[in-house]
């Protein structure tokens, strides 16, 4: 039973990374909106970097999810 408990605890700890990805996305979009409101002419040129940052942040959240599932069911 101790191995199963360790798997559950490890899986839960790995899932915390998904919360970090959610916080990161909130910060990313919040800062983009602040910059777009201050300088609307430059917002279009920064949109590519916004999407790149969004993709990298979301990838880390998905990685945490996969590691959590691997620990739980592996």
C-alpha atoms as a PDB file:
ATOM      1  CA  UNK A   1       0.000   0.000   0.000  1.00  0.00           C
ATOM      2  CA  UNK A   2       2.936   2.355   0.526  1.00  0.00           C
ATOM      3  CA  UNK A   3       3.909   2.301  -3.149  1.00  0.00           C
ATOM      4  CA  UNK A   4       0.359   3.196  -4.200  1.00  0.00           C
ATOM      5  CA  UNK A   5       0.288   6.074  -1.715  1.00  0.00           C
ATOM      6  CA  UNK A   6       3.604   7.366  -3.048  1.00  0.00           C
ATOM      7  CA  UNK A   7       2.218   7.239  -6.604  1.00  0.00           C
ATOM      8  CA  UNK A   8      -0.826   9.276  -5.578  1.00  0.00           C
ATOM      9  CA  UNK A   9       1.243  11.860  -3.726  1.00  0.00           C
ATOM     10  CA  UNK A  10       3.711  12.189  -6.621  1.00  0.00           C
ATOM     11  CA  UNK A  11       0.892  12.490  -9.115  1.00  0.00           C
ATOM     12  CA  UNK A  12      -0.733  15.240  -7.082  1.00  0.00           C
ATOM     13  CA  UNK A  13       2.519  17.141  -6.773  1.00  0.00           C
ATOM     14  CA  UNK A  14       3.153  16.872 -10.509  1.00  0.00           C
ATOM     15  CA  UNK A  15      -0.341  18.231 -11.198  1.00  0.00           C
ATOM     16  CA  UNK A  16       0.569  21.470  -9.417  1.00  0.00           C
ATOM     17  CA  UNK A  17       2.482  22.409 -12.573  1.00  0.00           C
ATOM     18  CA  UNK A  18      -0.833  22.809 -14.381  1.00  0.00           C
ATOM     19  CA  UNK A  19      -1.823  25.548 -11.943  1.00  0.00           C
ATOM     20  CA  UNK A  20       1.480  27.265 -12.688  1.00  0.00           C
ATOM     21  CA  UNK A  21       0.676  27.200 -16.390  1.00  0.00           C
ATOM     22  CA  UNK A  22      -2.717  28.775 -15.715  1.00  0.00           C
ATOM     23  CA  UNK A  23      -1.142  31.543 -13.669  1.00  0.00           C
ATOM     24  CA  UNK A  24       1.473  32.079 -16.370  1.00  0.00           C
ATOM     25  CA  UNK A  25      -1.183  32.448 -19.056  1.00  0.00           C
ATOM     26  CA  UNK A  26      -3.068  34.956 -16.933  1.00  0.00           C
ATOM     27  CA  UNK A  27       0.039  37.058 -16.411  1.00  0.00           C
ATOM     28  CA  UNK A  28       0.946  36.819 -20.100  1.00  0.00           C
ATOM     29  CA  UNK A  29      -2.437  37.977 -21.399  1.00  0.00           C
ATOM     30  CA  UNK A  30      -2.816  40.593 -18.672  1.00  0.00           C
ATOM     31  CA  UNK A  31       0.487  42.219 -19.560  1.00  0.00           C
ATOM     32  CA  UNK A  32      -0.315  42.067 -23.270  1.00  0.00           C
ATOM     33  CA  UNK A  33      -3.653  43.800 -22.713  1.00  0.00           C
ATOM     34  CA  UNK A  34      -2.015  46.481 -20.595  1.00  0.00           C
ATOM     35  CA  UNK A  35       0.547  47.142 -23.328  1.00  0.00           C
ATOM     36  CA  UNK A  36      -2.123  47.117 -26.047  1.00  0.00           C
ATOM     37  CA  UNK A  37      -4.223  49.659 -24.172  1.00  0.00           C
ATOM     38  CA  UNK A  38      -1.235  51.957 -23.675  1.00  0.00           C
ATOM     39  CA  UNK A  39       0.001  51.719 -27.270  1.00  0.00           C
ATOM     40  CA  UNK A  40      -2.634  50.295 -29.653  1.00  0.00           C
ATOM     41  CA  UNK A  41      -0.459  50.865 -32.728  1.00  0.00           C
ATOM     42  CA  UNK A  42       2.208  48.444 -31.482  1.00  0.00           C
ATOM     43  CA  UNK A  43      -0.230  45.739 -30.356  1.00  0.00           C
ATOM     44  CA  UNK A  44      -0.391  44.020 -33.739  1.00  0.00           C
ATOM     45  CA  UNK A  45       3.378  43.624 -33.931  1.00  0.00           C
ATOM     46  CA  UNK A  46       3.491  41.954 -30.506  1.00  0.00           C
ATOM     47  CA  UNK A  47       0.694  39.478 -31.211  1.00  0.00           C
ATOM     48  CA  UNK A  48       3.089  36.884 -32.671  1.00  0.00           C
ATOM     49  CA  UNK A  49       5.170  36.922 -29.501  1.00  0.00           C
ATOM     50  CA  UNK A  50       1.978  36.601 -27.455  1.00  0.00           C
ATOM     51  CA  UNK A  51       0.982  33.431 -29.280  1.00  0.00           C
ATOM     52  CA  UNK A  52       4.497  32.004 -28.989  1.00  0.00           C
ATOM     53  CA  UNK A  53       4.543  32.647 -25.259  1.00  0.00           C
ATOM     54  CA  UNK A  54       1.065  31.157 -24.934  1.00  0.00           C
ATOM     55  CA  UNK A  55       2.127  28.003 -26.757  1.00  0.00           C
ATOM     56  CA  UNK A  56       5.259  27.541 -24.634  1.00  0.00           C
ATOM     57  CA  UNK A  57       3.373  28.127 -21.391  1.00  0.00           C
ATOM     58  CA  UNK A  58       0.607  25.735 -22.350  1.00  0.00           C
ATOM     59  CA  UNK A  59       3.184  23.119 -23.358  1.00  0.00           C
ATOM     60  CA  UNK A  60       4.619  23.161 -19.857  1.00  0.00           C
ATOM     61  CA  UNK A  61       1.134  22.641 -18.424  1.00  0.00           C
ATOM     62  CA  UNK A  62       0.535  19.690 -20.736  1.00  0.00           C
ATOM     63  CA  UNK A  63       3.924  18.252 -19.797  1.00  0.00           C
ATOM     64  CA  UNK A  64       2.975  18.427 -16.107  1.00  0.00           C
ATOM     65  CA  UNK A  65      -0.320  16.697 -16.916  1.00  0.00           C
ATOM     66  CA  UNK A  66       1.403  13.877 -18.792  1.00  0.00           C
ATOM     67  CA  UNK A  67       3.942  13.360 -16.004  1.00  0.00           C
ATOM     68  CA  UNK A  68       1.093  13.262 -13.492  1.00  0.00           C
ATOM     69  CA  UNK A  69      -0.728  10.612 -15.516  1.00  0.00           C
ATOM     70  CA  UNK A  70       2.444   8.586 -15.956  1.00  0.00           C
ATOM     71  CA  UNK A  71       3.054   8.599 -12.236  1.00  0.00           C
ATOM     72  CA  UNK A  72      -0.532   7.672 -11.480  1.00  0.00           C
ATOM     73  CA  UNK A  73      -1.048   4.875 -13.993  1.00  0.00           C
ATOM     74  CA  UNK A  74       2.518   3.857 -14.846  1.00  0.00           C
END
